[in-house]
Amino acid sequence: WRQRRLVMTGIATLAALYFTVSLPFRVEEQVASAE
């Protein structure tokens, strides 16, 4: 956005929204305690 690259800004915004919305569904089971 600072460099006025609007296409890159739009693509990155959509990608950030996708990962944000999908975060709750990405939680997996707890990893085992360290050795």
PDB file of all heavy atoms in Angstrom:
ATOM      1  N   TRP A   1       0.841  -1.203   0.000  1.00  0.00           N
ATOM      2  CA  TRP A   1       0.000   0.000   0.000  1.00  0.00           C
ATOM      3  C   TRP A   1       0.873   1.249   0.000  1.00  0.00           C
ATOM      4  O   TRP A   1       0.560   2.222  -0.693  1.00  0.00           O
ATOM      5  CB  TRP A   1      -0.913  -0.026   1.227  1.00  0.00           C
ATOM      6  CG  TRP A   1      -1.745   1.212   1.375  1.00  0.00           C
ATOM      7  CD1 TRP A   1      -1.495   2.288   2.167  1.00  0.00           C
ATOM      8  CD2 TRP A   1      -2.954   1.510   0.671  1.00  0.00           C
ATOM      9  NE1 TRP A   1      -2.464   3.237   2.026  1.00  0.00           N
ATOM     10  CE2 TRP A   1      -3.387   2.779   1.109  1.00  0.00           C
ATOM     11  CE3 TRP A   1      -3.712   0.823  -0.277  1.00  0.00           C
ATOM     12  CZ2 TRP A   1      -4.546   3.380   0.632  1.00  0.00           C
ATOM     13  CZ3 TRP A   1      -4.877   1.416  -0.744  1.00  0.00           C
ATOM     14  CH2 TRP A   1      -5.286   2.676  -0.304  1.00  0.00           C
ATOM     15  N   ARG A   2       1.964   1.211   0.769  1.00  0.00           N
ATOM     16  CA  ARG A   2       2.868   2.346   0.803  1.00  0.00           C
ATOM     17  C   ARG A   2       3.491   2.585  -0.565  1.00  0.00           C
ATOM     18  O   ARG A   2       3.733   3.731  -0.959  1.00  0.00           O
ATOM     19  CB  ARG A   2       3.954   2.091   1.851  1.00  0.00           C
ATOM     20  CG  ARG A   2       4.976   3.199   1.975  1.00  0.00           C
ATOM     21  CD  ARG A   2       6.079   2.789   2.938  1.00  0.00           C
ATOM     22  NE  ARG A   2       7.099   3.801   3.063  1.00  0.00           N
ATOM     23  CZ  ARG A   2       8.229   3.655   3.718  1.00  0.00           C
ATOM     24  NH1 ARG A   2       8.493   2.489   4.309  1.00  0.00           N
ATOM     25  NH2 ARG A   2       9.115   4.630   3.797  1.00  0.00           N
ATOM     26  N   GLN A   3       3.736   1.501  -1.315  1.00  0.00           N
ATOM     27  CA  GLN A   3       4.344   1.606  -2.638  1.00  0.00           C
ATOM     28  C   GLN A   3       3.290   1.771  -3.736  1.00  0.00           C
ATOM     29  O   GLN A   3       3.625   1.741  -4.917  1.00  0.00           O
ATOM     30  CB  GLN A   3       5.189   0.360  -2.908  1.00  0.00           C
ATOM     31  CG  GLN A   3       6.355   0.210  -1.950  1.00  0.00           C
ATOM     32  CD  GLN A   3       7.115  -1.089  -2.157  1.00  0.00           C
ATOM     33  OE1 GLN A   3       6.682  -1.957  -2.935  1.00  0.00           O
ATOM     34  NE2 GLN A   3       8.257  -1.225  -1.472  1.00  0.00           N
ATOM     35  N   ARG A   4       2.010   1.889  -3.336  1.00  0.00           N
ATOM     36  CA  ARG A   4       0.880   2.077  -4.261  1.00  0.00           C
ATOM     37  C   ARG A   4       0.767   0.929  -5.263  1.00  0.00           C
ATOM     38  O   ARG A   4       0.415   1.134  -6.425  1.00  0.00           O
ATOM     39  CB  ARG A   4       1.012   3.420  -4.990  1.00  0.00           C
ATOM     40  CG  ARG A   4       1.040   4.604  -4.034  1.00  0.00           C
ATOM     41  CD  ARG A   4       1.026   5.925  -4.773  1.00  0.00           C
ATOM     42  NE  ARG A   4       1.084   7.040  -3.889  1.00  0.00           N
ATOM     43  CZ  ARG A   4       0.033   7.552  -3.229  1.00  0.00           C
ATOM     44  NH1 ARG A   4      -1.157   7.004  -3.384  1.00  0.00           N
ATOM     45  NH2 ARG A   4       0.193   8.579  -2.426  1.00  0.00           N
ATOM     46  N   ARG A   5       1.051  -0.266  -4.818  1.00  0.00           N
ATOM     47  CA  ARG A   5       0.882  -1.459  -5.668  1.00  0.00           C
ATOM     48  C   ARG A   5      -0.452  -2.074  -5.282  1.00  0.00           C
ATOM     49  O   ARG A   5      -0.559  -2.958  -4.441  1.00  0.00           O
ATOM     50  CB  ARG A   5       2.042  -2.416  -5.450  1.00  0.00           C
ATOM     51  CG  ARG A   5       3.390  -1.780  -5.806  1.00  0.00           C
ATOM     52  CD  ARG A   5       4.562  -2.628  -5.383  1.00  0.00           C
ATOM     53  NE  ARG A   5       4.591  -3.922  -6.071  1.00  0.00           N
ATOM     54  CZ  ARG A   5       5.513  -4.853  -5.883  1.00  0.00           C
ATOM     55  NH1 ARG A   5       6.499  -4.619  -5.009  1.00  0.00           N
ATOM     56  NH2 ARG A   5       5.472  -5.993  -6.542  1.00  0.00           N
ATOM     57  N   LEU A   6      -1.505  -1.570  -5.929  1.00  0.00           N
ATOM     58  CA  LEU A   6      -2.865  -1.881  -5.509  1.00  0.00           C
ATOM     59  C   LEU A   6      -3.224  -3.338  -5.742  1.00  0.00           C
ATOM     60  O   LEU A   6      -3.956  -3.940  -4.951  1.00  0.00           O
ATOM     61  CB  LEU A   6      -3.852  -0.965  -6.246  1.00  0.00           C
ATOM     62  CG  LEU A   6      -3.650   0.544  -5.993  1.00  0.00           C
ATOM     63  CD1 LEU A   6      -4.724   1.347  -6.721  1.00  0.00           C
ATOM     64  CD2 LEU A   6      -3.687   0.844  -4.499  1.00  0.00           C
ATOM     65  N   VAL A   7      -2.732  -3.929  -6.844  1.00  0.00           N
ATOM     66  CA  VAL A   7      -3.069  -5.329  -7.122  1.00  0.00           C
ATOM     67  C   VAL A   7      -2.485  -6.226  -6.038  1.00  0.00           C
ATOM     68  O   VAL A   7      -3.170  -7.109  -5.494  1.00  0.00           O
ATOM     69  CB  VAL A   7      -2.546  -5.743  -8.509  1.00  0.00           C
ATOM     70  CG1 VAL A   7      -2.789  -7.237  -8.731  1.00  0.00           C
ATOM     71  CG2 VAL A   7      -3.238  -4.932  -9.596  1.00  0.00           C
ATOM     72  N   MET A   8      -1.216  -6.013  -5.734  1.00  0.00           N
ATOM     73  CA  MET A   8      -0.583  -6.794  -4.675  1.00  0.00           C
ATOM     74  C   MET A   8      -1.285  -6.574  -3.338  1.00  0.00           C
ATOM     75  O   MET A   8      -1.468  -7.515  -2.550  1.00  0.00           O
ATOM     76  CB  MET A   8       0.890  -6.414  -4.566  1.00  0.00           C
ATOM     77  CG  MET A   8       1.636  -7.147  -3.448  1.00  0.00           C
ATOM     78  SD  MET A   8       1.667  -8.933  -3.691  1.00  0.00           S
ATOM     79  CE  MET A   8       2.830  -9.024  -5.068  1.00  0.00           C
ATOM     80  N   THR A   9      -1.697  -5.326  -3.100  1.00  0.00           N
ATOM     81  CA  THR A   9      -2.405  -5.031  -1.853  1.00  0.00           C
ATOM     82  C   THR A   9      -3.704  -5.821  -1.769  1.00  0.00           C
ATOM     83  O   THR A   9      -4.030  -6.407  -0.726  1.00  0.00           O
ATOM     84  CB  THR A   9      -2.711  -3.532  -1.754  1.00  0.00           C
ATOM     85  OG1 THR A   9      -1.482  -2.790  -1.796  1.00  0.00           O
ATOM     86  CG2 THR A   9      -3.454  -3.213  -0.472  1.00  0.00           C
ATOM     87  N   GLY A  10      -4.451  -5.873  -2.866  1.00  0.00           N
ATOM     88  CA  GLY A  10      -5.722  -6.595  -2.870  1.00  0.00           C
ATOM     89  C   GLY A  10      -5.540  -8.092  -2.673  1.00  0.00           C
ATOM     90  O   GLY A  10      -6.268  -8.726  -1.895  1.00  0.00           O
ATOM     91  N   ILE A  11      -4.547  -8.661  -3.390  1.00  0.00           N
ATOM     92  CA  ILE A  11      -4.317 -10.112  -3.277  1.00  0.00           C
ATOM     93  C   ILE A  11      -3.897 -10.474  -1.847  1.00  0.00           C
ATOM     94  O   ILE A  11      -4.395 -11.439  -1.255  1.00  0.00           O
ATOM     95  CB  ILE A  11      -3.242 -10.558  -4.285  1.00  0.00           C
ATOM     96  CG1 ILE A  11      -3.759 -10.376  -5.716  1.00  0.00           C
ATOM     97  CG2 ILE A  11      -2.835 -12.000  -4.037  1.00  0.00           C
ATOM     98  CD1 ILE A  11      -2.715 -10.637  -6.774  1.00  0.00           C
ATOM     99  N   ALA A  12      -2.966  -9.700  -1.313  1.00  0.00           N
ATOM    100  CA  ALA A  12      -2.496  -9.977   0.047  1.00  0.00           C
ATOM    101  C   ALA A  12      -3.614  -9.800   1.067  1.00  0.00           C
ATOM    102  O   ALA A  12      -3.709 -10.563   2.045  1.00  0.00           O
ATOM    103  CB  ALA A  12      -1.321  -9.065   0.381  1.00  0.00           C
ATOM    104  N   THR A  13      -4.493  -8.824   0.850  1.00  0.00           N
ATOM    105  CA  THR A  13      -5.619  -8.614   1.775  1.00  0.00           C
ATOM    106  C   THR A  13      -6.559  -9.805   1.763  1.00  0.00           C
ATOM    107  O   THR A  13      -6.994 -10.291   2.818  1.00  0.00           O
ATOM    108  CB  THR A  13      -6.376  -7.338   1.405  1.00  0.00           C
ATOM    109  OG1 THR A  13      -5.484  -6.214   1.477  1.00  0.00           O
ATOM    110  CG2 THR A  13      -7.548  -7.109   2.345  1.00  0.00           C
ATOM    111  N   LEU A  14      -6.904 -10.299   0.570  1.00  0.00           N
ATOM    112  CA  LEU A  14      -7.798 -11.462   0.469  1.00  0.00           C
ATOM    113  C   LEU A  14      -7.167 -12.696   1.109  1.00  0.00           C
ATOM    114  O   LEU A  14      -7.836 -13.471   1.808  1.00  0.00           O
ATOM    115  CB  LEU A  14      -8.133 -11.729  -0.997  1.00  0.00           C
ATOM    116  CG  LEU A  14      -9.028 -10.683  -1.682  1.00  0.00           C
ATOM    117  CD1 LEU A  14      -9.181 -11.001  -3.164  1.00  0.00           C
ATOM    118  CD2 LEU A  14     -10.399 -10.643  -1.005  1.00  0.00           C
ATOM    119  N   ALA A  15      -5.866 -12.871   0.865  1.00  0.00           N
ATOM    120  CA  ALA A  15      -5.182 -14.018   1.455  1.00  0.00           C
ATOM    121  C   ALA A  15      -5.157 -13.917   2.981  1.00  0.00           C
ATOM    122  O   ALA A  15      -5.369 -14.909   3.701  1.00  0.00           O
ATOM    123  CB  ALA A  15      -3.763 -14.124   0.907  1.00  0.00           C
ATOM    124  N   ALA A  16      -4.906 -12.713   3.496  1.00  0.00           N
ATOM    125  CA  ALA A  16      -4.893 -12.523   4.949  1.00  0.00           C
ATOM    126  C   ALA A  16      -6.271 -12.802   5.545  1.00  0.00           C
ATOM    127  O   ALA A  16      -6.385 -13.438   6.605  1.00  0.00           O
ATOM    128  CB  ALA A  16      -4.442 -11.098   5.287  1.00  0.00           C
ATOM    129  N   LEU A  17      -7.327 -12.368   4.852  1.00  0.00           N
ATOM    130  CA  LEU A  17      -8.688 -12.643   5.329  1.00  0.00           C
ATOM    131  C   LEU A  17      -8.977 -14.137   5.326  1.00  0.00           C
ATOM    132  O   LEU A  17      -9.607 -14.673   6.249  1.00  0.00           O
ATOM    133  CB  LEU A  17      -9.706 -11.901   4.458  1.00  0.00           C
ATOM    134  CG  LEU A  17      -9.757 -10.377   4.629  1.00  0.00           C
ATOM    135  CD1 LEU A  17     -10.690  -9.759   3.598  1.00  0.00           C
ATOM    136  CD2 LEU A  17     -10.231 -10.024   6.048  1.00  0.00           C
ATOM    137  N   TYR A  18      -8.520 -14.841   4.291  1.00  0.00           N
ATOM    138  CA  TYR A  18      -8.745 -16.290   4.214  1.00  0.00           C
ATOM    139  C   TYR A  18      -8.102 -17.004   5.398  1.00  0.00           C
ATOM    140  O   TYR A  18      -8.735 -17.824   6.076  1.00  0.00           O
ATOM    141  CB  TYR A  18      -8.180 -16.843   2.902  1.00  0.00           C
ATOM    142  CG  TYR A  18      -8.036 -18.344   2.913  1.00  0.00           C
ATOM    143  CD1 TYR A  18      -9.145 -19.181   2.802  1.00  0.00           C
ATOM    144  CD2 TYR A  18      -6.770 -18.938   3.081  1.00  0.00           C
ATOM    145  CE1 TYR A  18      -9.009 -20.562   2.850  1.00  0.00           C
ATOM    146  CE2 TYR A  18      -6.619 -20.308   3.115  1.00  0.00           C
ATOM    147  CZ  TYR A  18      -7.748 -21.113   3.003  1.00  0.00           C
ATOM    148  OH  TYR A  18      -7.612 -22.477   3.058  1.00  0.00           O
ATOM    149  N   PHE A  19      -6.829 -16.709   5.653  1.00  0.00           N
ATOM    150  CA  PHE A  19      -6.140 -17.380   6.758  1.00  0.00           C
ATOM    151  C   PHE A  19      -6.738 -16.982   8.112  1.00  0.00           C
ATOM    152  O   PHE A  19      -6.802 -17.795   9.034  1.00  0.00           O
ATOM    153  CB  PHE A  19      -4.641 -17.061   6.725  1.00  0.00           C
ATOM    154  CG  PHE A  19      -3.886 -17.863   5.720  1.00  0.00           C
ATOM    155  CD1 PHE A  19      -3.399 -17.279   4.559  1.00  0.00           C
ATOM    156  CD2 PHE A  19      -3.667 -19.227   5.917  1.00  0.00           C
ATOM    157  CE1 PHE A  19      -2.695 -18.023   3.627  1.00  0.00           C
ATOM    158  CE2 PHE A  19      -2.965 -19.976   4.991  1.00  0.00           C
ATOM    159  CZ  PHE A  19      -2.484 -19.384   3.833  1.00  0.00           C
ATOM    160  N   THR A  20      -7.196 -15.720   8.239  1.00  0.00           N
ATOM    161  CA  THR A  20      -7.806 -15.283   9.498  1.00  0.00           C
ATOM    162  C   THR A  20      -9.088 -16.051   9.782  1.00  0.00           C
ATOM    163  O   THR A  20      -9.311 -16.544  10.893  1.00  0.00           O
ATOM    164  CB  THR A  20      -8.093 -13.776   9.452  1.00  0.00           C
ATOM    165  OG1 THR A  20      -6.865 -13.058   9.234  1.00  0.00           O
ATOM    166  CG2 THR A  20      -8.725 -13.307  10.753  1.00  0.00           C
ATOM    167  N   VAL A  21      -9.946 -16.161   8.759  1.00  0.00           N
ATOM    168  CA  VAL A  21     -11.223 -16.857   8.936  1.00  0.00           C
ATOM    169  C   VAL A  21     -11.008 -18.344   9.188  1.00  0.00           C
ATOM    170  O   VAL A  21     -11.749 -18.981   9.954  1.00  0.00           O
ATOM    171  CB  VAL A  21     -12.122 -16.634   7.703  1.00  0.00           C
ATOM    172  CG1 VAL A  21     -13.376 -17.496   7.789  1.00  0.00           C
ATOM    173  CG2 VAL A  21     -12.499 -15.163   7.591  1.00  0.00           C
ATOM    174  N   SER A  22      -9.967 -18.919   8.595  1.00  0.00           N
ATOM    175  CA  SER A  22      -9.757 -20.360   8.712  1.00  0.00           C
ATOM    176  C   SER A  22      -9.005 -20.770   9.975  1.00  0.00           C
ATOM    177  O   SER A  22      -8.935 -21.960  10.294  1.00  0.00           O
ATOM    178  CB  SER A  22      -8.981 -20.876   7.492  1.00  0.00           C
ATOM    179  OG  SER A  22      -7.654 -20.357   7.474  1.00  0.00           O
ATOM    180  N   LEU A  23      -8.458 -19.793  10.707  1.00  0.00           N
ATOM    181  CA  LEU A  23      -7.652 -20.138  11.877  1.00  0.00           C
ATOM    182  C   LEU A  23      -8.385 -21.026  12.890  1.00  0.00           C
ATOM    183  O   LEU A  23      -7.827 -22.009  13.372  1.00  0.00           O
ATOM    184  CB  LEU A  23      -7.148 -18.862  12.566  1.00  0.00           C
ATOM    185  CG  LEU A  23      -5.811 -18.296  12.089  1.00  0.00           C
ATOM    186  CD1 LEU A  23      -5.445 -17.058  12.892  1.00  0.00           C
ATOM    187  CD2 LEU A  23      -4.705 -19.335  12.205  1.00  0.00           C
ATOM    188  N   PRO A  24      -9.634 -20.693  13.283  1.00  0.00           N
ATOM    189  CA  PRO A  24     -10.294 -21.555  14.284  1.00  0.00           C
ATOM    190  C   PRO A  24     -10.421 -23.009  13.837  1.00  0.00           C
ATOM    191  O   PRO A  24     -10.487 -23.909  14.690  1.00  0.00           O
ATOM    192  CB  PRO A  24     -11.676 -20.901  14.458  1.00  0.00           C
ATOM    193  CG  PRO A  24     -11.487 -19.486  14.024  1.00  0.00           C
ATOM    194  CD  PRO A  24     -10.482 -19.550  12.921  1.00  0.00           C
ATOM    195  N   PHE A  25     -10.476 -23.250  12.534  1.00  0.00           N
ATOM    196  CA  PHE A  25     -10.658 -24.612  12.031  1.00  0.00           C
ATOM    197  C   PHE A  25      -9.324 -25.347  11.847  1.00  0.00           C
ATOM    198  O   PHE A  25      -9.313 -26.523  11.488  1.00  0.00           O
ATOM    199  CB  PHE A  25     -11.411 -24.566  10.698  1.00  0.00           C
ATOM    200  CG  PHE A  25     -12.716 -23.825  10.780  1.00  0.00           C
ATOM    201  CD1 PHE A  25     -12.812 -22.507  10.337  1.00  0.00           C
ATOM    202  CD2 PHE A  25     -13.841 -24.429  11.331  1.00  0.00           C
ATOM    203  CE1 PHE A  25     -14.006 -21.814  10.410  1.00  0.00           C
ATOM    204  CE2 PHE A  25     -15.040 -23.739  11.410  1.00  0.00           C
ATOM    205  CZ  PHE A  25     -15.119 -22.426  10.953  1.00  0.00           C
ATOM    206  N   ARG A  26      -8.225 -24.654  12.079  1.00  0.00           N
ATOM    207  CA  ARG A  26      -6.908 -25.259  11.906  1.00  0.00           C
ATOM    208  C   ARG A  26      -6.343 -25.838  13.215  1.00  0.00           C
ATOM    209  O   ARG A  26      -5.296 -26.462  13.200  1.00  0.00           O
ATOM    210  CB  ARG A  26      -5.912 -24.216  11.357  1.00  0.00           C
ATOM    211  CG  ARG A  26      -6.192 -23.793   9.928  1.00  0.00           C
ATOM    212  CD  ARG A  26      -5.278 -22.656   9.497  1.00  0.00           C
ATOM    213  NE  ARG A  26      -5.419 -22.371   8.076  1.00  0.00           N
ATOM    214  CZ  ARG A  26      -4.651 -22.889   7.130  1.00  0.00           C
ATOM    215  NH1 ARG A  26      -3.647 -23.695   7.463  1.00  0.00           N
ATOM    216  NH2 ARG A  26      -4.844 -22.609   5.864  1.00  0.00           N
ATOM    217  N   VAL A  27      -7.037 -25.565  14.331  1.00  0.00           N
ATOM    218  CA  VAL A  27      -6.531 -26.033  15.624  1.00  0.00           C
ATOM    219  C   VAL A  27      -6.594 -27.551  15.675  1.00  0.00           C
ATOM    220  O   VAL A  27      -7.641 -28.163  15.449  1.00  0.00           O
ATOM    221  CB  VAL A  27      -7.350 -25.432  16.783  1.00  0.00           C
ATOM    222  CG1 VAL A  27      -6.829 -25.961  18.118  1.00  0.00           C
ATOM    223  CG2 VAL A  27      -7.272 -23.909  16.744  1.00  0.00           C
ATOM    224  N   GLU A  28      -5.460 -28.154  15.960  1.00  0.00           N
ATOM    225  CA  GLU A  28      -5.376 -29.611  16.045  1.00  0.00           C
ATOM    226  C   GLU A  28      -5.218 -30.028  17.503  1.00  0.00           C
ATOM    227  O   GLU A  28      -5.216 -29.196  18.411  1.00  0.00           O
ATOM    228  CB  GLU A  28      -4.168 -30.107  15.230  1.00  0.00           C
ATOM    229  CG  GLU A  28      -4.234 -29.705  13.760  1.00  0.00           C
ATOM    230  CD  GLU A  28      -2.924 -29.963  13.037  1.00  0.00           C
ATOM    231  OE1 GLU A  28      -1.974 -30.446  13.703  1.00  0.00           O
ATOM    232  OE2 GLU A  28      -2.843 -29.678  11.835  1.00  0.00           O
ATOM    233  N   GLU A  29      -5.073 -31.316  17.739  1.00  0.00           N
ATOM    234  CA  GLU A  29      -4.915 -31.814  19.090  1.00  0.00           C
ATOM    235  C   GLU A  29      -3.574 -31.354  19.671  1.00  0.00           C
ATOM    236  O   GLU A  29      -2.629 -31.055  18.948  1.00  0.00           O
ATOM    237  CB  GLU A  29      -4.978 -33.342  19.116  1.00  0.00           C
ATOM    238  CG  GLU A  29      -6.358 -33.885  18.764  1.00  0.00           C
ATOM    239  CD  GLU A  29      -6.424 -35.385  18.943  1.00  0.00           C
ATOM    240  OE1 GLU A  29      -5.419 -35.973  19.384  1.00  0.00           O
ATOM    241  OE2 GLU A  29      -7.483 -35.962  18.652  1.00  0.00           O
ATOM    242  N   GLN A  30      -3.527 -31.343  21.011  1.00  0.00           N
ATOM    243  CA  GLN A  30      -2.335 -30.872  21.704  1.00  0.00           C
ATOM    244  C   GLN A  30      -1.115 -31.720  21.354  1.00  0.00           C
ATOM    245  O   GLN A  30      -1.181 -32.936  21.274  1.00  0.00           O
ATOM    246  CB  GLN A  30      -2.567 -30.926  23.220  1.00  0.00           C
ATOM    247  CG  GLN A  30      -1.386 -30.455  24.041  1.00  0.00           C
ATOM    248  CD  GLN A  30      -1.661 -30.563  25.528  1.00  0.00           C
ATOM    249  OE1 GLN A  30      -2.659 -31.127  25.923  1.00  0.00           O
ATOM    250  NE2 GLN A  30      -0.763 -30.040  26.331  1.00  0.00           N
ATOM    251  N   VAL A  31      -0.005 -31.027  21.150  1.00  0.00           N
ATOM    252  CA  VAL A  31       1.250 -31.714  20.897  1.00  0.00           C
ATOM    253  C   VAL A  31       1.781 -32.267  22.219  1.00  0.00           C
ATOM    254  O   VAL A  31       1.627 -31.667  23.278  1.00  0.00           O
ATOM    255  CB  VAL A  31       2.272 -30.744  20.275  1.00  0.00           C
ATOM    256  CG1 VAL A  31       3.603 -31.431  20.049  1.00  0.00           C
ATOM    257  CG2 VAL A  31       1.722 -30.184  18.969  1.00  0.00           C
ATOM    258  N   ALA A  32       2.391 -33.448  22.191  1.00  0.00           N
ATOM    259  CA  ALA A  32       2.895 -34.075  23.412  1.00  0.00           C
ATOM    260  C   ALA A  32       3.963 -33.210  24.063  1.00  0.00           C
ATOM    261  O   ALA A  32       4.637 -32.417  23.414  1.00  0.00           O
ATOM    262  CB  ALA A  32       3.467 -35.456  23.098  1.00  0.00           C
ATOM    263  N   SER A  33       4.090 -33.366  25.394  1.00  0.00           N
ATOM    264  CA  SER A  33       5.101 -32.612  26.136  1.00  0.00           C
ATOM    265  C   SER A  33       6.504 -32.979  25.658  1.00  0.00           C
ATOM    266  O   SER A  33       6.742 -34.080  25.160  1.00  0.00           O
ATOM    267  CB  SER A  33       4.976 -32.898  27.639  1.00  0.00           C
ATOM    268  OG  SER A  33       3.729 -32.462  28.124  1.00  0.00           O
ATOM    269  N   ALA A  34       7.423 -32.040  25.836  1.00  0.00           N
ATOM    270  CA  ALA A  34       8.793 -32.240  25.370  1.00  0.00           C
ATOM    271  C   ALA A  34       9.465 -33.359  26.165  1.00  0.00           C
ATOM    272  O   ALA A  34       9.108 -33.657  27.299  1.00  0.00           O
ATOM    273  CB  ALA A  34       9.571 -30.937  25.519  1.00  0.00           C
ATOM    274  N   GLU A  35      10.464 -33.984  25.552  1.00  0.00           N
ATOM    275  CA  GLU A  35      11.221 -35.029  26.225  1.00  0.00           C
ATOM    276  C   GLU A  35      12.034 -34.420  27.368  1.00  0.00           C
ATOM    277  O   GLU A  35      12.371 -33.235  27.363  1.00  0.00           O
ATOM    278  CB  GLU A  35      12.164 -35.705  25.227  1.00  0.00           C
ATOM    279  CG  GLU A  35      11.437 -36.467  24.116  1.00  0.00           C
ATOM    280  CD  GLU A  35      10.647 -37.647  24.654  1.00  0.00           C
ATOM    281  OE1 GLU A  35      11.125 -38.288  25.616  1.00  0.00           O
ATOM    282  OE2 GLU A  35       9.556 -37.913  24.135  1.00  0.00           O
TER     283      GLU A  35
END
